[in-house]
Every structure is written in C-alpha cells, then in structure tokens.
Amino acid sequence: MIQGIIVKKVIDVVLKQIMKKHKLDKLQKYVEEDNELDQQMKVVQKNLNKYGKYIEELEKEVAILNKKLNKLEKEK
C-alpha cells in the first residue's frame, strides 16, 4: 500500500518535470481552458438559439395569418 502511494507520487513529480521541460503545461492549458474563440462560439451559439426561437414564433404567426386570410377569402 505504501509502495503504491510512493510510486504515484514519483510518477506525479516525473510528469510535472517532463511537462515543464517540454512546455506541455501551455499546451495543456490551451486544451483544457476556454480561449477567445471558445468564448466567441458560446456567444454565437446563444444568439443562434435566440434567433431560431424568434423565427419559429414568426413562422407560427405567419401560419395563423395565412389561415385567417384563407378564411376571409372563402367568405367572399
């Protein structure tokens, strides 16, 4: 059990040193954290969803108006 803990700690230290030596920490940060493009895409997706819902509402209103127009034309 103690050997397992020691091995785990040694591996952690070795990995940290390798990451520092090869500058992998910057790559890891780039992969794991949101960057400027990720934030922009979140805004774009939010706006796209908002406009999609707005278009659906407009389509419903157009359908209702078409029904009313057809009804009025049939009455003439």
C-alpha atoms as a PDB file:
ATOM      1  CA  MET A   1       0.000   0.000   0.000  1.00  0.00           C
ATOM      2  CA  ILE A   2       2.769   2.418   0.918  1.00  0.00           C
ATOM      3  CA  GLN A   3       4.677   1.383  -2.200  1.00  0.00           C
ATOM      4  CA  GLY A   4       1.652   2.311  -4.324  1.00  0.00           C
ATOM      5  CA  ILE A   5       1.495   5.768  -2.766  1.00  0.00           C
ATOM      6  CA  ILE A   6       5.227   6.297  -3.277  1.00  0.00           C
ATOM      7  CA  VAL A   7       5.020   5.170  -6.906  1.00  0.00           C
ATOM      8  CA  LYS A   8       2.089   7.519  -7.525  1.00  0.00           C
ATOM      9  CA  LYS A   9       3.972  10.486  -6.026  1.00  0.00           C
ATOM     10  CA  VAL A  10       7.102   9.695  -8.045  1.00  0.00           C
ATOM     11  CA  ILE A  11       5.074   9.469 -11.254  1.00  0.00           C
ATOM     12  CA  ASP A  12       3.382  12.813 -10.488  1.00  0.00           C
ATOM     13  CA  VAL A  13       6.748  14.509  -9.937  1.00  0.00           C
ATOM     14  CA  VAL A  14       8.235  12.985 -13.100  1.00  0.00           C
ATOM     15  CA  LEU A  15       5.237  14.053 -15.190  1.00  0.00           C
ATOM     16  CA  LYS A  16       5.457  17.609 -13.855  1.00  0.00           C
ATOM     17  CA  GLN A  17       9.135  17.788 -14.736  1.00  0.00           C
ATOM     18  CA  ILE A  18       8.515  16.429 -18.244  1.00  0.00           C
ATOM     19  CA  MET A  19       5.716  18.925 -18.772  1.00  0.00           C
ATOM     20  CA  LYS A  20       7.941  21.811 -17.673  1.00  0.00           C
ATOM     21  CA  LYS A  21      10.874  20.677 -19.790  1.00  0.00           C
ATOM     22  CA  HIS A  22       8.840  20.303 -22.975  1.00  0.00           C
ATOM     23  CA  LYS A  23       6.480  23.214 -22.220  1.00  0.00           C
ATOM     24  CA  LEU A  24       3.492  20.889 -22.273  1.00  0.00           C
ATOM     25  CA  ASP A  25       1.842  22.888 -19.495  1.00  0.00           C
ATOM     26  CA  LYS A  26       0.979  25.626 -22.004  1.00  0.00           C
ATOM     27  CA  LEU A  27      -0.485  23.060 -24.378  1.00  0.00           C
ATOM     28  CA  GLN A  28      -2.475  21.508 -21.573  1.00  0.00           C
ATOM     29  CA  LYS A  29      -3.757  24.947 -20.544  1.00  0.00           C
ATOM     30  CA  TYR A  30      -4.774  25.672 -24.153  1.00  0.00           C
ATOM     31  CA  VAL A  31      -6.666  22.395 -24.424  1.00  0.00           C
ATOM     32  CA  GLU A  32      -8.410  22.486 -21.051  1.00  0.00           C
ATOM     33  CA  GLU A  33      -9.265  26.178 -20.640  1.00  0.00           C
ATOM     34  CA  ASP A  34     -11.602  28.260 -22.788  1.00  0.00           C
ATOM     35  CA  ASN A  35      -9.786  30.599 -25.133  1.00  0.00           C
ATOM     36  CA  GLU A  36     -11.076  33.634 -27.022  1.00  0.00           C
ATOM     37  CA  LEU A  37     -12.573  31.587 -29.867  1.00  0.00           C
ATOM     38  CA  ASP A  38     -14.371  29.281 -27.437  1.00  0.00           C
ATOM     39  CA  GLN A  39     -15.958  32.293 -25.764  1.00  0.00           C
ATOM     40  CA  GLN A  40     -16.957  33.778 -29.123  1.00  0.00           C
ATOM     41  CA  MET A  41     -18.527  30.480 -30.190  1.00  0.00           C
ATOM     42  CA  LYS A  42     -20.577  30.354 -26.991  1.00  0.00           C
ATOM     43  CA  VAL A  43     -21.920  33.831 -27.788  1.00  0.00           C
ATOM     44  CA  VAL A  44     -22.645  32.819 -31.387  1.00  0.00           C
ATOM     45  CA  GLN A  45     -24.474  29.676 -30.279  1.00  0.00           C
ATOM     46  CA  LYS A  46     -26.506  31.642 -27.745  1.00  0.00           C
ATOM     47  CA  ASN A  47     -27.506  34.182 -30.406  1.00  0.00           C
ATOM     48  CA  LEU A  48     -28.290  31.427 -32.900  1.00  0.00           C
ATOM     49  CA  ASN A  49     -30.630  29.747 -30.412  1.00  0.00           C
ATOM     50  CA  LYS A  50     -32.287  33.084 -29.643  1.00  0.00           C
ATOM     51  CA  TYR A  51     -32.856  33.912 -33.306  1.00  0.00           C
ATOM     52  CA  GLY A  52     -34.023  30.372 -34.043  1.00  0.00           C
ATOM     53  CA  LYS A  53     -36.752  30.689 -31.414  1.00  0.00           C
ATOM     54  CA  TYR A  54     -37.686  34.115 -32.783  1.00  0.00           C
ATOM     55  CA  ILE A  55     -38.011  32.686 -36.311  1.00  0.00           C
ATOM     56  CA  GLU A  56     -40.197  29.851 -35.032  1.00  0.00           C
ATOM     57  CA  GLU A  57     -42.509  32.374 -33.362  1.00  0.00           C
ATOM     58  CA  LEU A  58     -42.707  34.406 -36.576  1.00  0.00           C
ATOM     59  CA  GLU A  59     -43.495  31.274 -38.590  1.00  0.00           C
ATOM     60  CA  LYS A  60     -46.352  30.456 -36.206  1.00  0.00           C
ATOM     61  CA  GLU A  61     -47.724  33.975 -36.580  1.00  0.00           C
ATOM     62  CA  VAL A  62     -47.486  33.752 -40.384  1.00  0.00           C
ATOM     63  CA  ALA A  63     -49.349  30.433 -40.336  1.00  0.00           C
ATOM     64  CA  ILE A  64     -52.114  31.956 -38.214  1.00  0.00           C
ATOM     65  CA  LEU A  65     -52.372  34.975 -40.511  1.00  0.00           C
ATOM     66  CA  ASN A  66     -52.496  32.692 -43.583  1.00  0.00           C
ATOM     67  CA  LYS A  67     -55.360  30.739 -42.038  1.00  0.00           C
ATOM     68  CA  LYS A  68     -57.236  33.958 -41.314  1.00  0.00           C
ATOM     69  CA  LEU A  69     -56.591  35.219 -44.842  1.00  0.00           C
ATOM     70  CA  ASN A  70     -57.802  31.966 -46.387  1.00  0.00           C
ATOM     71  CA  LYS A  71     -60.907  32.117 -44.209  1.00  0.00           C
ATOM     72  CA  LEU A  72     -61.634  35.692 -45.336  1.00  0.00           C
ATOM     73  CA  GLU A  73     -61.102  34.767 -48.998  1.00  0.00           C
ATOM     74  CA  LYS A  74     -63.540  31.860 -48.709  1.00  0.00           C
ATOM     75  CA  GLU A  75     -66.174  34.203 -47.215  1.00  0.00           C
ATOM     76  CA  LYS A  76     -66.030  36.500 -50.245  1.00  0.00           C
END
